[in-house]
Amino acid sequence: MEFMTNLQSGLDELKPSLFEILSEQQLGSLLPPSLRYLLAVATHRHPRYLLRILNNFDELYAFLMLLVERYYLRTYGGSFTENFYGLNRERVLRVRGGEIPRSQLGAASQVRETLKLRTSDVWKNLAVMVGLPYLKRKLDEHYDIYAAHAAVLGGGFANRQDTLPPNAKLKDRFMYYYKWFLRKVYPSVNAAYYFALLTFNLAYLFDSSKFHSPFMWLIGTRMRRLGDADHKAIALATQPRPAAAARPGQSNSIFSRRIVTHVIGPRLATSLKILLPTSIFALKFLEWWHASDFARQLSRKANEGLELPPPVVAGLLPTPPPAEKTDKSSTASEKTTTDPSKKSGTQPQSQPPISGSSLLPIYTVPAPTPETSGLCPICSSEITNPTASPYGYVYCYVCIHKWVDGQHDRQIAFMEGNPGGEEGWGEEEDGGRSREGRWESGAGRDAVTGRKILGGTDVLRRVVV
């Protein structure tokens, strides 16, 4: 893998290959989702204490990484994951060619002291290493929330949802223009971001640039391998030093500021070098366990003796068993005497679910049957862009999104007093009158079960077919 860059770089043995840098970046990108997953599992057990931490994970992770990366930049000259790969960062001299090969061979220690990161360089690198990924994660998350559905639902629906009132407050104006930026500008900015990274990576691969990233070029920092002088300086900086004797009035407790900053803090940060490979091994083992056939066989054997009952949905009555076959005369008499709903041309339906807060019936659609399993329960057409609700039913993405928002044409027609279609709810007593105040339209609820969808449209999930 190092052949391409070494072929171009000549005798520069301290220049890392592009593949080393990409491996380090991939390892760094695995840390946030892994920690978030572990925190989410722990939150299920102790939601009272960890739910607020999970909701503010991005901010807490950025703050912790700011402390860890600052220590590693000042001590090792590189980030946490870069030190794991034997890499560091150094300033680029403003000299002709930017290289001093003779000085690096003859006075490596003096060159290292000249090229090591200063305090201003440390903060610039922290802005690129911590601030920029945090900003990118938040923009991607907000784009998925506010702008990703605009292309599917159409511009008219998005414009109806995001209209700026005449006397809007400053916060409302900011959110309006921020959503406009996410819909109109951010896709182009995101494309330019990845195109710039690709351009610098190719230039670095063929030795046309000393920088593998445009942001490293802006702050004047490049990646290097650790040399002999670097290892000696790191060993000298990380060797254990006895804590200074306590002055009169100072405590020797492990919770004192002197012990925490001079003893516990450095040892805890250094121990991360052992925890990182251990955590990577554990995550890879769990990934293999869940993907292997061995785990499936064990779970299959454990579940062989379990008999799960059919699911019961509140508000929907079970389907009656089919009636036994009788002669035509008895069947005709039963139709005319015991089934008046069929005489009027409507099918008997279960009672609609009742809202626990308003005590009003909730407008829902019939549950799909085996014959109609491939159709959307809302529009009764073939499902396009299938999307699942938290309760397991699959709909068209546009249908369920508008239904949860309360903007679907079927809901609007029902609440205005039009017949409820095949449900037949309220046709006899309504007489075409509006059902406002007497029914709930189903907004914010699942279209079949009528249950509340906590989180609204954000918890709808696309189904990959």
Protein backbone atom coordinates (compact mmCIF):
# COMPACT_ATOMS: atom_id res chain seq x y z
CA MET A 1 0.00 0.00 0.00
CA GLU A 2 2.91 2.32 0.62
CA PHE A 3 4.39 1.71 -2.85
CA MET A 4 2.59 4.60 -4.58
CA THR A 5 3.67 7.31 -2.17
CA ASN A 6 7.18 5.95 -1.60
CA LEU A 7 7.68 5.76 -5.36
CA GLN A 8 7.03 9.50 -5.61
CA SER A 9 8.53 10.73 -2.35
CA GLY A 10 12.08 9.45 -2.88
CA LEU A 11 14.10 9.36 0.34
CA ASP A 12 11.46 10.91 2.57
CA GLU A 13 10.85 7.98 4.91
CA LEU A 14 8.85 10.05 7.37
CA LYS A 15 6.05 10.80 4.94
CA PRO A 16 3.09 8.47 5.66
CA SER A 17 1.19 6.84 2.85
CA LEU A 18 -2.33 7.86 2.00
CA PHE A 19 -3.59 4.44 3.08
CA GLU A 20 -2.23 4.92 6.60
CA ILE A 21 -3.99 8.26 6.86
CA LEU A 22 -7.27 6.85 5.54
CA SER A 23 -7.06 3.93 7.99
CA GLU A 24 -6.55 6.35 10.86
CA GLN A 25 -9.51 8.45 9.74
CA GLN A 26 -11.72 5.37 9.45
CA LEU A 27 -10.78 4.31 12.97
CA GLY A 28 -11.58 7.79 14.28
CA SER A 29 -14.97 7.79 12.56
CA LEU A 30 -15.90 4.49 14.27
CA LEU A 31 -15.55 5.89 17.78
CA PRO A 32 -18.68 8.15 17.96
CA PRO A 33 -21.25 5.57 16.74
CA SER A 34 -19.69 2.84 18.91
CA LEU A 35 -19.84 4.98 22.05
CA ARG A 36 -23.37 6.12 21.18
CA TYR A 37 -24.50 2.50 20.81
CA LEU A 38 -23.00 1.49 24.17
CA LEU A 39 -24.61 4.50 25.82
CA ALA A 40 -27.98 3.69 24.24
CA VAL A 41 -27.82 0.11 25.58
CA ALA A 42 -26.98 1.39 29.06
CA THR A 43 -29.77 3.99 28.82
CA HIS A 44 -32.37 1.23 28.38
CA ARG A 45 -31.36 -0.09 31.79
CA HIS A 46 -31.01 3.23 33.58
CA PRO A 47 -33.04 5.84 31.64
CA ARG A 48 -33.47 8.08 34.65
CA TYR A 49 -29.76 8.85 34.84
CA LEU A 50 -28.52 8.45 31.27
CA LEU A 51 -31.36 9.69 29.04
CA ARG A 52 -30.28 13.32 29.22
CA ILE A 53 -26.68 12.33 28.46
CA LEU A 54 -27.81 10.32 25.42
CA ASN A 55 -29.89 13.23 24.11
CA ASN A 56 -26.83 15.51 24.31
CA PHE A 57 -24.29 12.94 23.16
CA ASP A 58 -22.77 15.06 20.38
CA GLU A 59 -22.00 17.97 22.67
CA LEU A 60 -20.64 15.75 25.45
CA TYR A 61 -18.49 13.73 23.03
CA ALA A 62 -17.07 16.92 21.47
CA PHE A 63 -16.16 18.26 24.92
CA LEU A 64 -14.45 15.03 26.00
CA MET A 65 -12.56 14.75 22.71
CA LEU A 66 -11.44 18.35 23.10
CA LEU A 67 -9.77 17.45 26.39
CA VAL A 68 -8.29 14.17 25.15
CA GLU A 69 -7.03 15.52 21.82
CA ARG A 70 -5.51 18.59 23.46
CA TYR A 71 -3.49 16.36 25.80
CA TYR A 72 -2.32 14.11 22.95
CA LEU A 73 -1.42 17.04 20.70
CA ARG A 74 0.68 18.66 23.42
CA THR A 75 2.32 15.41 24.58
CA TYR A 76 2.61 13.23 21.46
CA GLY A 77 2.24 15.82 18.69
CA GLY A 78 -0.73 13.97 17.17
CA SER A 79 -4.30 12.97 17.88
CA PHE A 80 -5.45 9.96 19.86
CA THR A 81 -5.91 7.67 16.84
CA GLU A 82 -2.88 9.11 14.98
CA ASN A 83 -0.61 8.14 17.85
CA PHE A 84 -2.06 4.62 17.68
CA TYR A 85 -0.84 4.42 14.05
CA GLY A 86 2.55 5.99 14.81
CA LEU A 87 1.76 9.35 13.19
CA ASN A 88 2.10 12.92 14.38
CA ARG A 89 1.57 16.46 13.13
CA GLU A 90 4.14 19.14 12.44
CA ARG A 91 4.21 22.68 11.15
CA VAL A 92 5.21 23.39 7.57
CA LEU A 93 8.11 25.80 7.29
CA ARG A 94 7.73 28.79 5.02
CA VAL A 95 10.94 28.05 3.14
CA ARG A 96 11.61 27.35 -0.50
CA GLY A 97 10.40 23.85 -1.22
CA GLY A 98 9.22 23.42 2.35
CA GLU A 99 11.82 20.72 3.07
CA ILE A 100 15.15 20.66 4.94
CA PRO A 101 16.39 17.08 4.35
CA ARG A 102 20.01 17.67 5.42
CA SER A 103 19.00 19.24 8.70
CA GLN A 104 16.57 16.38 9.38
CA LEU A 105 19.41 13.86 8.99
CA GLY A 106 22.07 15.78 10.88
CA ALA A 107 20.11 17.50 13.66
CA ALA A 108 16.83 15.63 14.00
CA SER A 109 16.19 16.80 17.57
CA GLN A 110 16.65 20.47 16.73
CA VAL A 111 14.43 20.13 13.66
CA ARG A 112 11.73 18.48 15.77
CA GLU A 113 11.79 21.32 18.28
CA THR A 114 11.45 23.78 15.41
CA LEU A 115 8.60 21.97 13.68
CA LYS A 116 6.57 20.88 16.71
CA LEU A 117 3.14 22.41 17.20
CA ARG A 118 2.94 25.66 19.11
CA THR A 119 -0.01 26.66 21.29
CA SER A 120 -1.75 28.47 18.43
CA ASP A 121 -1.19 25.45 16.15
CA VAL A 122 -2.72 23.15 18.78
CA TRP A 123 -5.92 25.16 18.88
CA LYS A 124 -6.08 25.33 15.07
CA ASN A 125 -5.75 21.55 14.87
CA LEU A 126 -8.40 21.13 17.58
CA ALA A 127 -10.78 23.23 15.49
CA VAL A 128 -10.21 20.89 12.52
CA MET A 129 -10.21 17.65 14.52
CA VAL A 130 -13.10 18.34 16.92
CA GLY A 131 -15.03 21.41 15.80
CA LEU A 132 -15.35 20.55 12.11
CA PRO A 133 -16.62 16.93 12.62
CA TYR A 134 -19.12 18.16 15.22
CA LEU A 135 -20.44 20.81 12.83
CA LYS A 136 -20.65 18.24 10.01
CA ARG A 137 -22.60 15.75 12.16
CA LYS A 138 -25.11 18.41 13.24
CA LEU A 139 -25.64 19.66 9.68
CA ASP A 140 -26.18 16.11 8.39
CA GLU A 141 -28.62 15.39 11.21
CA HIS A 142 -30.59 18.59 10.63
CA TYR A 143 -30.64 17.97 6.90
CA ASP A 144 -32.22 14.55 7.46
CA ILE A 145 -34.82 16.14 9.76
CA TYR A 146 -35.75 19.32 7.91
CA ALA A 147 -34.79 18.91 4.26
CA ALA A 148 -34.40 15.27 3.21
CA HIS A 149 -38.17 14.75 2.80
CA ALA A 150 -38.64 17.85 0.62
CA ALA A 151 -37.60 16.05 -2.58
CA VAL A 152 -39.98 13.15 -1.90
CA LEU A 153 -43.01 15.12 -0.75
CA GLY A 154 -42.61 17.89 -3.32
CA GLY A 155 -41.83 21.57 -3.01
CA GLY A 156 -45.44 22.60 -2.46
CA PHE A 157 -45.77 20.53 0.71
CA ALA A 158 -42.45 21.81 2.07
CA ASN A 159 -43.44 25.41 1.38
CA ARG A 160 -46.77 24.95 3.19
CA GLN A 161 -44.97 23.53 6.20
CA ASP A 162 -42.25 26.25 6.35
CA THR A 163 -43.85 29.62 5.76
CA LEU A 164 -42.54 32.72 7.50
CA PRO A 165 -45.34 34.61 9.29
CA PRO A 166 -45.42 38.40 8.88
CA ASN A 167 -44.60 39.19 12.52
CA ALA A 168 -42.15 36.36 13.11
CA LYS A 169 -39.75 36.43 16.03
CA LEU A 170 -35.99 36.40 15.62
CA LYS A 171 -35.80 32.70 16.44
CA ASP A 172 -38.49 31.86 13.86
CA ARG A 173 -36.69 33.91 11.21
CA PHE A 174 -33.42 32.17 11.98
CA MET A 175 -35.02 28.71 11.71
CA TYR A 176 -36.76 29.67 8.46
CA TYR A 177 -33.55 30.80 6.77
CA TYR A 178 -31.62 27.89 8.30
CA LYS A 179 -34.06 25.38 6.78
CA TRP A 180 -33.84 27.26 3.48
CA PHE A 181 -30.05 26.92 3.65
CA LEU A 182 -30.33 23.18 4.32
CA ARG A 183 -32.68 22.65 1.36
CA LYS A 184 -31.05 24.93 -1.21
CA VAL A 185 -27.39 25.46 -0.32
CA TYR A 186 -26.16 22.64 1.91
CA PRO A 187 -26.26 19.87 -0.76
CA SER A 188 -23.87 21.93 -2.92
CA VAL A 189 -21.65 22.72 0.06
CA ASN A 190 -21.56 19.04 1.02
CA ALA A 191 -20.62 18.04 -2.53
CA ALA A 192 -17.86 20.67 -2.63
CA TYR A 193 -16.56 19.41 0.72
CA TYR A 194 -16.12 15.83 -0.51
CA PHE A 195 -14.78 16.97 -3.88
CA ALA A 196 -12.09 19.05 -2.16
CA LEU A 197 -11.12 16.07 0.02
CA LEU A 198 -10.88 13.85 -3.05
CA THR A 199 -8.73 16.40 -4.90
CA PHE A 200 -6.24 16.78 -2.04
CA ASN A 201 -6.11 13.00 -1.51
CA LEU A 202 -5.19 12.42 -5.14
CA ALA A 203 -2.62 15.22 -5.06
CA TYR A 204 -1.08 13.77 -1.90
CA LEU A 205 -1.10 10.26 -3.41
CA PHE A 206 0.99 11.37 -6.41
CA ASP A 207 3.25 13.62 -4.28
CA SER A 208 1.89 16.84 -5.74
CA SER A 209 0.98 18.20 -2.32
CA LYS A 210 2.24 17.87 1.25
CA PHE A 211 -1.31 18.08 2.59
CA HIS A 212 -3.91 15.34 2.34
CA SER A 213 -6.77 17.66 3.33
CA PRO A 214 -7.70 21.24 2.42
CA PHE A 215 -8.17 22.07 6.10
CA MET A 216 -4.63 20.93 6.92
CA TRP A 217 -3.44 23.23 4.15
CA LEU A 218 -5.37 26.15 5.68
CA ILE A 219 -3.77 25.72 9.11
CA GLY A 220 -0.28 24.90 7.73
CA THR A 221 0.04 21.44 9.30
CA ARG A 222 0.96 18.12 7.72
CA MET A 223 1.13 14.47 8.78
CA ARG A 224 4.44 12.72 9.46
CA ARG A 225 5.64 9.38 10.81
CA LEU A 226 7.24 9.25 14.23
CA GLY A 227 11.04 9.26 14.02
CA ASP A 228 13.77 8.43 16.52
CA ALA A 229 13.81 11.96 17.85
CA ASP A 230 10.03 11.84 18.32
CA HIS A 231 10.15 8.59 20.24
CA LYS A 232 12.88 9.90 22.55
CA ALA A 233 10.97 13.12 23.22
CA ILE A 234 7.72 11.23 23.88
CA ALA A 235 9.45 8.79 26.25
CA LEU A 236 10.93 11.72 28.14
CA ALA A 237 7.59 13.52 28.31
CA THR A 238 5.57 10.47 29.42
CA GLN A 239 7.92 8.97 31.99
CA PRO A 240 6.32 8.83 35.43
CA ARG A 241 7.18 11.77 37.60
CA PRO A 242 6.60 11.76 41.35
CA ALA A 243 4.06 14.26 42.53
CA ALA A 244 5.46 17.28 44.28
CA ALA A 245 5.26 17.27 48.04
CA ALA A 246 2.18 18.87 49.46
CA ARG A 247 2.63 22.36 50.75
CA PRO A 248 1.29 23.29 54.16
CA GLY A 249 -2.48 23.19 54.02
CA GLN A 250 -2.66 20.99 50.89
CA SER A 251 -4.25 17.55 50.97
CA ASN A 252 -2.73 14.30 49.72
CA SER A 253 -6.13 12.85 48.83
CA ILE A 254 -6.61 11.36 45.35
CA PHE A 255 -9.43 13.85 44.82
CA SER A 256 -7.19 16.87 45.33
CA ARG A 257 -6.49 19.06 42.33
CA ARG A 258 -2.72 18.45 42.49
CA ILE A 259 -3.04 14.66 42.35
CA VAL A 260 -5.72 14.71 39.66
CA THR A 261 -3.83 17.02 37.28
CA HIS A 262 -0.31 15.58 37.77
CA VAL A 263 -0.92 11.88 38.39
CA ILE A 264 -4.40 10.57 37.62
CA GLY A 265 -5.06 12.67 34.50
CA PRO A 266 -1.90 11.72 32.55
CA ARG A 267 -2.17 8.04 33.49
CA LEU A 268 -5.82 7.91 32.48
CA ALA A 269 -5.09 9.54 29.11
CA THR A 270 -2.16 7.18 28.51
CA SER A 271 -4.29 4.13 29.36
CA LEU A 272 -6.50 4.91 26.37
CA LYS A 273 -3.74 3.42 24.18
CA ILE A 274 -4.55 0.05 25.77
CA LEU A 275 -8.31 0.52 25.82
CA LEU A 276 -8.48 1.37 22.10
CA PRO A 277 -7.22 -1.97 20.69
CA THR A 278 -9.21 -3.82 23.35
CA SER A 279 -12.43 -2.04 22.38
CA ILE A 280 -11.75 -2.61 18.67
CA PHE A 281 -11.31 -6.34 19.30
CA ALA A 282 -14.53 -6.45 21.34
CA LEU A 283 -16.53 -4.60 18.66
CA LYS A 284 -15.16 -6.82 15.88
CA PHE A 285 -16.01 -9.90 17.92
CA LEU A 286 -19.58 -8.70 18.46
CA GLU A 287 -19.88 -7.89 14.76
CA TRP A 288 -18.72 -11.42 13.86
CA TRP A 289 -21.03 -12.95 16.47
CA HIS A 290 -24.15 -11.24 15.12
CA ALA A 291 -23.21 -11.94 11.48
CA SER A 292 -22.05 -15.54 11.84
CA ASP A 293 -24.20 -18.60 11.27
CA PHE A 294 -23.07 -20.00 14.62
CA ALA A 295 -25.01 -17.32 16.50
CA ARG A 296 -28.09 -17.93 14.34
CA GLN A 297 -28.02 -21.66 15.08
CA LEU A 298 -27.82 -21.04 18.81
CA SER A 299 -30.71 -18.57 18.73
CA ARG A 300 -32.75 -20.93 16.55
CA LYS A 301 -32.29 -23.81 18.99
CA ALA A 302 -33.19 -21.59 21.94
CA ASN A 303 -36.40 -20.42 20.26
CA GLU A 304 -37.61 -23.79 18.99
CA GLY A 305 -39.78 -24.47 22.03
CA LEU A 306 -41.30 -20.98 22.22
CA GLU A 307 -44.86 -20.48 20.96
CA LEU A 308 -45.60 -16.80 20.51
CA PRO A 309 -49.27 -15.72 20.52
CA PRO A 310 -50.57 -13.59 17.64
CA PRO A 311 -50.29 -9.84 18.17
CA VAL A 312 -53.32 -8.04 19.60
CA VAL A 313 -53.96 -4.46 18.47
CA ALA A 314 -56.06 -2.25 20.72
CA GLY A 315 -59.30 -1.10 19.10
CA LEU A 316 -59.46 -3.83 16.45
CA LEU A 317 -61.61 -6.89 17.02
CA PRO A 318 -60.37 -10.29 15.87
CA THR A 319 -61.64 -11.60 12.56
CA PRO A 320 -64.66 -13.91 13.13
CA PRO A 321 -64.23 -17.51 12.02
CA PRO A 322 -65.81 -18.47 8.69
CA ALA A 323 -69.39 -19.70 8.95
CA GLU A 324 -70.27 -23.26 8.07
CA LYS A 325 -71.84 -23.90 4.71
CA THR A 326 -75.65 -24.19 4.74
CA ASP A 327 -78.35 -24.34 2.16
CA LYS A 328 -79.25 -21.29 0.14
CA SER A 329 -82.63 -20.71 1.81
CA SER A 330 -81.21 -20.53 5.35
CA THR A 331 -78.37 -18.28 4.19
CA ALA A 332 -80.78 -15.86 2.54
CA SER A 333 -82.98 -15.71 5.64
CA GLU A 334 -79.95 -14.98 7.85
CA LYS A 335 -78.94 -12.12 5.57
CA THR A 336 -82.37 -10.51 5.84
CA THR A 337 -82.91 -11.03 9.56
CA THR A 338 -79.58 -11.03 11.41
CA ASP A 339 -77.30 -8.83 9.27
CA PRO A 340 -78.88 -5.45 8.54
CA SER A 341 -75.52 -3.90 7.70
CA LYS A 342 -75.18 -6.09 4.64
CA LYS A 343 -78.68 -5.11 3.58
CA SER A 344 -77.55 -1.50 3.35
CA GLY A 345 -74.50 -2.47 1.33
CA THR A 346 -71.85 -1.82 4.06
CA GLN A 347 -69.51 -4.32 5.67
CA PRO A 348 -69.52 -4.84 9.44
CA GLN A 349 -66.51 -3.10 10.99
CA SER A 350 -64.86 -3.09 14.39
CA GLN A 351 -65.28 -0.14 16.70
CA PRO A 352 -62.77 2.70 16.23
CA PRO A 353 -60.12 3.20 18.94
CA ILE A 354 -60.85 5.81 21.58
CA SER A 355 -58.37 8.53 22.54
CA GLY A 356 -57.26 8.35 26.15
CA SER A 357 -56.93 12.13 26.46
CA SER A 358 -59.92 13.55 24.57
CA LEU A 359 -62.14 10.41 24.82
CA LEU A 360 -63.03 10.86 21.14
CA PRO A 361 -63.03 8.14 18.49
CA ILE A 362 -59.93 8.13 16.28
CA TYR A 363 -60.18 7.88 12.51
CA THR A 364 -58.15 4.90 11.28
CA VAL A 365 -57.93 2.78 8.15
CA PRO A 366 -58.57 -0.97 7.97
CA ALA A 367 -55.65 -3.28 8.70
CA PRO A 368 -54.22 -5.03 5.63
CA THR A 369 -55.30 -8.58 4.89
CA PRO A 370 -53.23 -11.34 3.27
CA GLU A 371 -54.83 -10.42 -0.06
CA THR A 372 -53.94 -6.71 0.29
CA SER A 373 -50.55 -7.08 1.98
CA GLY A 374 -48.79 -5.46 -0.99
CA LEU A 375 -51.04 -2.37 -0.97
CA CYS A 376 -50.74 0.77 1.13
CA PRO A 377 -53.47 0.74 3.82
CA ILE A 378 -54.04 4.48 3.34
CA CYS A 379 -54.25 4.96 -0.43
CA SER A 380 -55.09 1.30 -1.29
CA SER A 381 -52.51 1.41 -4.11
CA GLU A 382 -49.25 -0.42 -4.60
CA ILE A 383 -46.71 0.72 -2.03
CA THR A 384 -44.12 3.15 -3.38
CA ASN A 385 -41.05 4.03 -1.31
CA PRO A 386 -42.13 1.68 1.53
CA THR A 387 -41.89 3.15 5.01
CA ALA A 388 -42.58 1.39 8.32
CA SER A 389 -44.16 2.97 11.36
CA PRO A 390 -43.01 2.04 14.89
CA TYR A 391 -45.97 -0.37 15.11
CA GLY A 392 -44.89 -2.54 12.19
CA TYR A 393 -47.27 -1.52 9.38
CA VAL A 394 -45.78 -0.47 6.03
CA TYR A 395 -47.13 2.46 4.01
CA CYS A 396 -46.14 4.71 1.17
CA TYR A 397 -43.71 7.30 2.50
CA VAL A 398 -45.80 10.25 1.28
CA CYS A 399 -49.02 8.76 2.70
CA ILE A 400 -47.77 8.04 6.21
CA HIS A 401 -45.79 11.30 6.39
CA LYS A 402 -48.88 13.36 5.51
CA TRP A 403 -51.06 11.22 7.77
CA VAL A 404 -48.87 11.82 10.81
CA ASP A 405 -48.82 15.54 9.98
CA GLY A 406 -52.62 15.49 9.62
CA GLN A 407 -52.48 16.72 6.01
CA HIS A 408 -53.65 13.65 4.09
CA ASP A 409 -56.61 14.17 1.73
CA ARG A 410 -58.41 11.18 3.24
CA GLN A 411 -58.23 12.68 6.72
CA ILE A 412 -59.33 16.11 5.53
CA ALA A 413 -62.31 14.66 3.64
CA PHE A 414 -63.41 12.59 6.63
CA MET A 415 -63.20 15.50 9.08
CA GLU A 416 -65.16 17.73 6.69
CA GLY A 417 -68.09 15.32 6.86
CA ASN A 418 -67.61 13.24 3.72
CA PRO A 419 -68.29 9.50 4.01
CA GLY A 420 -65.50 7.54 5.60
CA GLY A 421 -65.11 5.13 2.71
CA GLU A 422 -65.24 1.45 3.53
CA GLU A 423 -65.23 2.11 7.28
CA GLY A 424 -68.73 3.57 7.29
CA TRP A 425 -68.13 5.25 10.66
CA GLY A 426 -70.58 8.00 11.43
CA GLU A 427 -72.40 7.96 8.10
CA GLU A 428 -75.86 7.48 9.61
CA GLU A 429 -75.72 10.15 12.32
CA ASP A 430 -73.45 12.75 10.68
CA GLY A 431 -75.47 13.57 7.62
CA GLY A 432 -72.58 15.38 5.94
CA ARG A 433 -71.79 17.62 8.93
CA SER A 434 -68.24 18.38 9.97
CA ARG A 435 -66.73 15.95 12.46
CA GLU A 436 -64.48 18.53 14.11
CA GLY A 437 -64.78 18.21 17.90
CA ARG A 438 -66.46 14.81 17.65
CA TRP A 439 -63.64 12.79 16.05
CA GLU A 440 -59.85 12.85 15.98
CA SER A 441 -58.35 12.88 12.50
CA GLY A 442 -55.50 10.54 13.43
CA ALA A 443 -52.80 13.20 13.21
CA GLY A 444 -49.70 12.16 15.12
CA ARG A 445 -50.90 8.54 15.22
CA ASP A 446 -50.41 5.32 13.32
CA ALA A 447 -52.95 5.05 10.50
CA VAL A 448 -54.05 1.47 11.33
CA THR A 449 -53.71 1.14 15.10
CA GLY A 450 -54.47 4.76 16.04
CA ARG A 451 -51.66 4.76 18.58
CA LYS A 452 -49.49 7.79 19.26
CA ILE A 453 -46.19 7.96 17.34
CA LEU A 454 -43.71 9.50 19.75
CA GLY A 455 -41.30 11.65 17.78
CA GLY A 456 -43.65 12.28 14.85
CA THR A 457 -42.30 11.83 11.35
CA ASP A 458 -38.71 11.60 12.60
CA VAL A 459 -39.19 7.98 13.73
CA LEU A 460 -40.52 6.74 10.37
CA ARG A 461 -38.06 4.35 8.80
CA ARG A 462 -37.59 3.49 5.13
CA VAL A 463 -37.79 -0.19 4.24
CA VAL A 464 -35.13 -1.59 1.93
CA VAL A 465 -36.79 -4.12 -0.39
